[in-house]
């Protein structure tokens, strides 16, 4: 099969940061779907793994990243149910297995679902990882009730991929007042398009929030700059509120600053269920199935804002350059 991989962690402009490679076709395990990939979304996680996983020593063989895919099932494992050859599926993959920068990929059927049929594959590819992350943040980590109608949610990083889906889910499936951060007009416009009730400038988060008459927020979904915004979050979170973050930091944070308000802090990593084979691993397939219905019913819109073409190192290098710029609004997709 055709694929794009790397051996060493190198700057994206290095000739060998990503390269084209031919690899043996994968063989599905008993729980697997073998998928011919039509389109992928390029995520910050892709660039992070390329940059971090082979700093001290190269990988022994080409390493494939890529954690979003839409494609056609070519074969199924002996324990698979609910899928047939020819089905179009979508998924966000498993960080323990080869990624989706390839013409073929095996994925556990429990973390996949039938893709929405109302949009093209490259549109659908914008959603799996961000949808799973947003859903888990809202309903698993923050435990937001779907009938909530008086509380508020602050989304730090509202114009990014995960923020874009969080805004839509919060607006359409809950009664929360959704407040998003953005500093550029185009980012603010995008947040309003995705469902934000309010937009505040993250450069002075406390002052901007208070200027709008909001002393506290009940929930915070934190998608970038955890150490940068930590003090502001500690001040803005309501007593007995909850914070969930996907953003790592090497800085030491004062967790005790949340004690007086009895605030809960929950990490979210979309890969946890598949990495550890948790008992509720199949929940991700159910979430994706629900998201497909929301897309087909016109309740959730896809979030692609840029589409590149071709499974090649040249195309994926361009995608990584754009992702690493930090200025991406919505999602970048590659159509194979």
Protein backbone atom coordinates (compact mmCIF):
# COMPACT_ATOMS: atom_id res chain seq x y z
CA UNK A 1 0.00 0.00 0.00
CA UNK A 2 0.98 3.62 -0.49
CA UNK A 3 1.74 5.58 2.68
CA UNK A 4 3.49 8.65 4.11
CA UNK A 5 5.67 8.25 7.19
CA UNK A 6 8.82 9.39 8.99
CA UNK A 7 11.77 7.94 10.89
CA UNK A 8 13.18 10.95 12.76
CA UNK A 9 11.60 13.92 14.49
CA UNK A 10 12.59 16.74 12.16
CA UNK A 11 11.35 20.25 11.32
CA UNK A 12 8.67 20.08 8.67
CA UNK A 13 10.87 21.87 6.11
CA UNK A 14 13.48 19.11 6.34
CA UNK A 15 13.39 16.83 3.28
CA UNK A 16 12.95 13.73 5.45
CA UNK A 17 10.36 15.10 7.91
CA UNK A 18 7.74 13.10 5.98
CA UNK A 19 8.37 10.84 2.99
CA UNK A 20 6.47 8.57 0.61
CA UNK A 21 6.79 4.84 1.26
CA UNK A 22 5.30 1.56 0.03
CA UNK A 23 4.34 -0.87 2.80
CA UNK A 24 2.69 -4.31 2.94
CA UNK A 25 -1.10 -4.23 3.05
CA UNK A 26 -2.33 -4.59 6.66
CA UNK A 27 -4.18 -7.74 7.74
CA UNK A 28 -7.27 -7.19 9.91
CA UNK A 29 -7.41 -8.73 13.39
CA UNK A 30 -10.63 -10.33 14.62
CA UNK A 31 -12.19 -7.02 15.74
CA UNK A 32 -10.89 -4.98 12.82
CA UNK A 33 -12.22 -3.31 9.74
CA UNK A 34 -9.82 -3.04 6.80
CA UNK A 35 -10.58 0.37 5.29
CA UNK A 36 -9.57 1.93 1.98
CA UNK A 37 -9.15 5.55 2.96
CA UNK A 38 -10.78 8.35 0.97
CA UNK A 39 -9.95 11.39 3.11
CA UNK A 40 -8.28 12.35 6.38
CA UNK A 41 -8.23 15.37 8.66
CA UNK A 42 -4.86 16.69 9.80
CA UNK A 43 -4.80 17.43 13.53
CA UNK A 44 -2.31 19.10 15.89
CA UNK A 45 -1.82 15.59 17.34
CA UNK A 46 -0.29 14.52 14.02
CA UNK A 47 2.37 17.22 14.18
CA UNK A 48 3.03 16.63 17.90
CA UNK A 49 3.75 12.94 17.36
CA UNK A 50 5.98 13.69 14.36
CA UNK A 51 7.94 16.23 16.40
CA UNK A 52 8.17 14.32 19.69
CA UNK A 53 8.35 10.56 19.13
CA UNK A 54 11.79 10.17 17.52
CA UNK A 55 13.93 12.94 18.99
CA UNK A 56 16.62 10.76 20.59
CA UNK A 57 16.46 7.73 18.31
CA UNK A 58 14.78 7.07 14.96
CA UNK A 59 11.86 4.71 14.60
CA UNK A 60 13.03 1.29 13.35
CA UNK A 61 10.59 1.47 10.44
CA UNK A 62 8.46 4.21 8.89
CA UNK A 63 6.04 5.56 11.48
CA UNK A 64 2.57 6.55 10.27
CA UNK A 65 0.51 9.23 11.99
CA UNK A 66 -3.02 10.37 11.14
CA UNK A 67 -6.03 9.99 13.44
CA UNK A 68 -9.07 10.89 11.38
CA UNK A 69 -10.30 8.94 8.38
CA UNK A 70 -13.27 8.26 6.16
CA UNK A 71 -13.20 5.29 3.84
CA UNK A 72 -14.73 2.12 2.44
CA UNK A 73 -14.62 -1.22 4.27
CA UNK A 74 -12.68 -3.81 2.23
CA UNK A 75 -12.71 -6.68 4.75
CA UNK A 76 -13.88 -7.47 8.27
CA UNK A 77 -12.42 -9.52 11.11
CA UNK A 78 -14.10 -12.66 12.40
CA UNK A 79 -15.56 -10.95 15.50
CA UNK A 80 -16.94 -7.89 13.71
CA UNK A 81 -20.66 -7.23 13.68
CA UNK A 82 -22.69 -4.32 12.37
CA UNK A 83 -20.45 -3.62 9.36
CA UNK A 84 -20.21 -5.04 5.85
CA UNK A 85 -17.77 -4.81 2.97
CA UNK A 86 -18.62 -1.68 1.00
CA UNK A 87 -19.76 0.39 3.98
CA UNK A 88 -18.41 3.93 4.23
CA UNK A 89 -17.11 4.42 7.78
CA UNK A 90 -15.44 7.14 9.82
CA UNK A 91 -13.26 7.04 12.91
CA UNK A 92 -10.46 8.79 14.81
CA UNK A 93 -8.24 5.74 15.23
CA UNK A 94 -5.95 4.42 17.92
CA UNK A 95 -2.64 6.05 18.89
CA UNK A 96 -1.15 2.58 19.51
CA UNK A 97 -1.56 1.52 15.85
CA UNK A 98 -0.36 2.77 12.45
CA UNK A 99 -2.12 5.97 11.42
CA UNK A 100 -4.25 7.01 8.49
CA UNK A 101 -1.61 8.53 6.19
CA UNK A 102 -2.03 5.43 4.04
CA UNK A 103 -4.24 3.99 1.33
CA UNK A 104 -5.31 1.16 3.67
CA UNK A 105 -5.74 1.03 7.45
CA UNK A 106 -7.05 -1.41 10.05
CA UNK A 107 -9.25 -0.03 12.83
CA UNK A 108 -11.16 -1.71 15.66
CA UNK A 109 -14.82 -1.69 14.68
CA UNK A 110 -15.84 -0.66 18.20
CA UNK A 111 -14.36 2.83 17.70
CA UNK A 112 -15.83 3.35 14.22
CA UNK A 113 -19.31 3.91 12.83
CA UNK A 114 -21.09 4.31 9.53
CA UNK A 115 -20.21 7.75 8.16
CA UNK A 116 -22.85 10.40 7.47
CA UNK A 117 -24.27 9.96 3.99
CA UNK A 118 -25.34 13.56 3.38
CA UNK A 119 -21.84 15.00 2.97
CA UNK A 120 -18.78 14.15 0.88
CA UNK A 121 -15.97 12.06 2.45
CA UNK A 122 -13.64 15.07 2.69
CA UNK A 123 -16.32 16.97 4.61
CA UNK A 124 -17.02 14.09 6.97
CA UNK A 125 -13.29 13.67 7.62
CA UNK A 126 -13.24 17.00 9.45
CA UNK A 127 -15.25 15.66 12.37
CA UNK A 128 -14.34 12.32 14.02
CA UNK A 129 -11.51 13.26 16.40
CA UNK A 130 -12.90 16.67 17.25
CA UNK A 131 -16.41 15.28 17.72
CA UNK A 132 -15.26 12.55 20.08
CA UNK A 133 -13.16 15.02 22.04
CA UNK A 134 -15.91 17.63 22.28
CA UNK A 135 -18.54 15.06 23.23
CA UNK A 136 -16.34 13.51 25.93
CA UNK A 137 -15.42 16.94 27.33
CA UNK A 138 -19.04 18.07 27.57
CA UNK A 139 -20.84 14.92 28.63
CA UNK A 140 -18.20 12.63 30.18
CA UNK A 141 -15.75 15.02 31.85
CA UNK A 142 -17.82 18.15 32.59
CA UNK A 143 -20.99 16.06 32.94
CA UNK A 144 -23.14 18.80 31.42
CA UNK A 145 -26.83 17.86 31.61
CA UNK A 146 -28.70 18.10 28.33
CA UNK A 147 -31.56 19.98 29.96
CA UNK A 148 -29.35 22.70 31.51
CA UNK A 149 -30.86 26.10 30.79
CA UNK A 150 -29.33 28.60 33.20
CA UNK A 151 -25.60 27.88 33.32
CA UNK A 152 -22.66 29.03 31.22
CA UNK A 153 -19.80 27.37 29.37
CA UNK A 154 -16.53 29.12 28.49
CA UNK A 155 -14.68 27.56 25.55
CA UNK A 156 -11.04 28.65 25.38
CA UNK A 157 -10.01 28.12 21.77
CA UNK A 158 -13.46 28.35 20.23
CA UNK A 159 -12.38 28.71 16.59
CA UNK A 160 -10.25 25.57 16.49
CA UNK A 161 -11.45 22.14 15.43
CA UNK A 162 -12.56 20.90 18.86
CA UNK A 163 -13.97 24.29 19.84
CA UNK A 164 -16.02 24.42 16.65
CA UNK A 165 -17.77 21.14 17.49
CA UNK A 166 -18.11 21.97 21.20
CA UNK A 167 -19.92 25.18 20.31
CA UNK A 168 -22.36 23.32 18.07
CA UNK A 169 -23.07 20.57 20.59
CA UNK A 170 -23.49 23.03 23.45
CA UNK A 171 -25.84 25.21 21.40
CA UNK A 172 -27.92 22.39 19.90
CA UNK A 173 -27.97 19.73 22.64
CA UNK A 174 -27.91 21.78 25.86
CA UNK A 175 -29.38 24.99 27.21
CA UNK A 176 -25.99 26.43 28.16
CA UNK A 177 -24.93 29.95 27.30
CA UNK A 178 -21.83 29.31 25.18
CA UNK A 179 -19.01 31.85 25.49
CA UNK A 180 -16.00 31.42 23.18
CA UNK A 181 -12.59 33.07 23.13
CA UNK A 182 -11.17 34.64 19.97
CA UNK A 183 -8.86 37.56 19.30
CA UNK A 184 -9.23 38.06 15.53
CA UNK A 185 -12.42 39.20 13.84
CA UNK A 186 -12.42 36.21 11.49
CA UNK A 187 -12.09 33.87 14.47
CA UNK A 188 -14.92 35.63 16.29
CA UNK A 189 -17.13 35.46 13.19
CA UNK A 190 -16.46 31.72 12.93
CA UNK A 191 -17.35 31.20 16.60
CA UNK A 192 -20.68 32.95 16.13
CA UNK A 193 -21.30 30.81 13.04
CA UNK A 194 -20.65 27.68 15.12
CA UNK A 195 -23.16 28.76 17.76
CA UNK A 196 -21.47 31.05 20.29
CA UNK A 197 -23.78 33.34 22.23
CA UNK A 198 -20.83 35.56 23.20
CA UNK A 199 -17.19 35.96 22.15
CA UNK A 200 -14.47 37.40 24.41
CA UNK A 201 -10.84 38.28 23.71
CA UNK A 202 -8.52 35.75 25.34
CA UNK A 203 -5.72 38.29 25.76
CA UNK A 204 -7.47 39.71 28.83
CA UNK A 205 -9.93 36.99 29.65
CA UNK A 206 -11.05 38.12 33.09
CA UNK A 207 -11.56 41.75 32.16
CA UNK A 208 -13.37 40.86 28.93
CA UNK A 209 -15.68 38.44 30.71
CA UNK A 210 -16.46 40.87 33.50
CA UNK A 211 -17.03 43.65 30.97
CA UNK A 212 -19.87 41.54 29.61
CA UNK A 213 -21.35 41.32 33.11
CA UNK A 214 -20.30 37.72 33.68
CA UNK A 215 -18.57 37.30 37.05
CA UNK A 216 -18.30 33.51 36.87
CA UNK A 217 -18.79 30.68 34.38
CA UNK A 218 -20.08 27.28 35.48
CA UNK A 219 -18.01 25.16 33.08
CA UNK A 220 -14.75 25.71 31.19
CA UNK A 221 -13.58 23.68 28.18
CA UNK A 222 -9.89 24.51 27.81
CA UNK A 223 -8.36 23.77 24.40
CA UNK A 224 -5.09 25.70 24.32
CA UNK A 225 -2.62 27.56 26.53
CA UNK A 226 -3.38 25.81 29.82
CA UNK A 227 -0.56 27.54 31.71
CA UNK A 228 -1.27 30.87 30.00
CA UNK A 229 -4.92 30.89 31.07
CA UNK A 230 -4.66 29.01 34.38
CA UNK A 231 -4.91 32.04 36.67
CA UNK A 232 -7.80 33.49 34.68
CA UNK A 233 -9.67 30.18 34.79
CA UNK A 234 -9.19 29.91 38.55
CA UNK A 235 -10.71 33.37 38.93
CA UNK A 236 -13.55 32.92 36.46
CA UNK A 237 -14.76 29.44 37.36
CA UNK A 238 -17.85 29.42 39.57
CA UNK A 239 -17.94 27.78 42.99
CA UNK A 240 -18.51 24.05 42.46
CA UNK A 241 -17.82 24.49 38.76
CA UNK A 242 -15.90 22.14 36.50
CA UNK A 243 -12.94 22.55 34.14
CA UNK A 244 -11.79 20.10 31.47
CA UNK A 245 -8.63 20.49 29.40
CA UNK A 246 -6.93 18.74 26.48
CA UNK A 247 -3.87 21.02 26.55
CA UNK A 248 -0.69 19.70 28.14
CA UNK A 249 1.82 21.98 29.83
CA UNK A 250 5.33 21.55 31.21
CA UNK A 251 4.68 24.32 33.72
CA UNK A 252 3.74 23.58 37.34
CA UNK A 253 0.21 24.74 38.09
CA UNK A 254 -1.31 25.56 41.47
CA UNK A 255 -4.13 23.03 41.68
CA UNK A 256 -4.85 24.21 45.21
CA UNK A 257 -6.12 27.47 43.72
CA UNK A 258 -9.32 25.55 42.93
CA UNK A 259 -9.80 24.16 46.43
CA UNK A 260 -11.70 27.06 47.99
CA UNK A 261 -14.37 26.86 45.31
CA UNK A 262 -14.51 23.03 45.36
CA UNK A 263 -13.87 23.04 41.61
CA UNK A 264 -13.37 19.82 39.66
CA UNK A 265 -10.58 19.51 37.08
CA UNK A 266 -10.72 16.70 34.49
CA UNK A 267 -8.27 15.82 31.76
CA UNK A 268 -9.59 14.68 28.38
CA UNK A 269 -7.66 12.55 25.90
CA UNK A 270 -9.72 11.11 23.09
CA UNK A 271 -7.32 8.15 22.74
CA UNK A 272 -7.69 6.92 26.34
CA UNK A 273 -10.46 4.42 25.66
CA UNK A 274 -8.68 2.74 22.73
CA UNK A 275 -5.17 2.93 24.24
CA UNK A 276 -6.25 1.11 27.39
CA UNK A 277 -9.01 -1.02 25.88
CA UNK A 278 -11.44 0.26 28.51
CA UNK A 279 -14.68 -1.60 29.16
CA UNK A 280 -16.61 1.27 27.58
CA UNK A 281 -14.38 1.49 24.50
CA UNK A 282 -17.38 0.88 22.22
CA UNK A 283 -18.90 4.12 23.50
CA UNK A 284 -16.81 5.93 20.88
CA UNK A 285 -18.50 4.03 18.09
CA UNK A 286 -21.86 5.01 19.57
CA UNK A 287 -20.83 8.68 19.81
CA UNK A 288 -19.74 8.68 16.16
CA UNK A 289 -23.00 7.06 15.13
CA UNK A 290 -24.91 9.78 16.98
CA UNK A 291 -22.76 12.45 15.35
CA UNK A 292 -23.44 10.98 11.90
CA UNK A 293 -27.16 11.29 12.58
CA UNK A 294 -26.72 14.88 13.77
CA UNK A 295 -24.90 15.71 10.52
CA UNK A 296 -27.48 13.96 8.34
CA UNK A 297 -30.30 15.71 10.18
CA UNK A 298 -28.68 19.11 9.59
CA UNK A 299 -28.15 19.76 13.30
CA UNK A 300 -24.32 19.72 13.17
CA UNK A 301 -22.32 21.09 10.26
CA UNK A 302 -18.91 19.89 9.13
CA UNK A 303 -16.00 22.17 9.95
CA UNK A 304 -13.57 21.87 7.03
CA UNK A 305 -12.18 25.25 5.99
CA UNK A 306 -9.30 24.07 3.79
CA UNK A 307 -9.00 20.97 1.59
CA UNK A 308 -5.76 19.71 0.03
CA UNK A 309 -5.54 16.88 -2.50
CA UNK A 310 -3.45 13.74 -2.77
CA UNK A 311 -1.86 11.11 -0.53
CA UNK A 312 1.73 12.30 -0.80
CA UNK A 313 4.53 13.59 1.41
CA UNK A 314 4.40 16.92 -0.42
CA UNK A 315 0.70 17.42 0.37
CA UNK A 316 1.00 16.32 4.00
CA UNK A 317 4.06 18.50 4.58
CA UNK A 318 2.03 21.48 3.43
CA UNK A 319 -0.75 20.41 5.80
CA UNK A 320 1.68 20.18 8.74
CA UNK A 321 3.12 23.61 7.96
CA UNK A 322 -0.36 25.10 8.12
CA UNK A 323 -1.25 23.27 11.34
CA UNK A 324 2.01 24.29 13.02
CA UNK A 325 1.36 27.97 12.22
CA UNK A 326 -1.30 27.95 14.96
CA UNK A 327 -3.60 30.17 12.92
CA UNK A 328 -5.96 27.51 11.57
CA UNK A 329 -9.69 28.14 11.90
CA UNK A 330 -11.85 25.04 11.64
CA UNK A 331 -10.25 21.91 10.13
CA UNK A 332 -7.78 21.08 7.39
CA UNK A 333 -8.63 18.01 5.32
CA UNK A 334 -6.69 15.98 2.77
CA UNK A 335 -8.67 14.18 0.07
CA UNK A 336 -6.87 11.10 -1.23
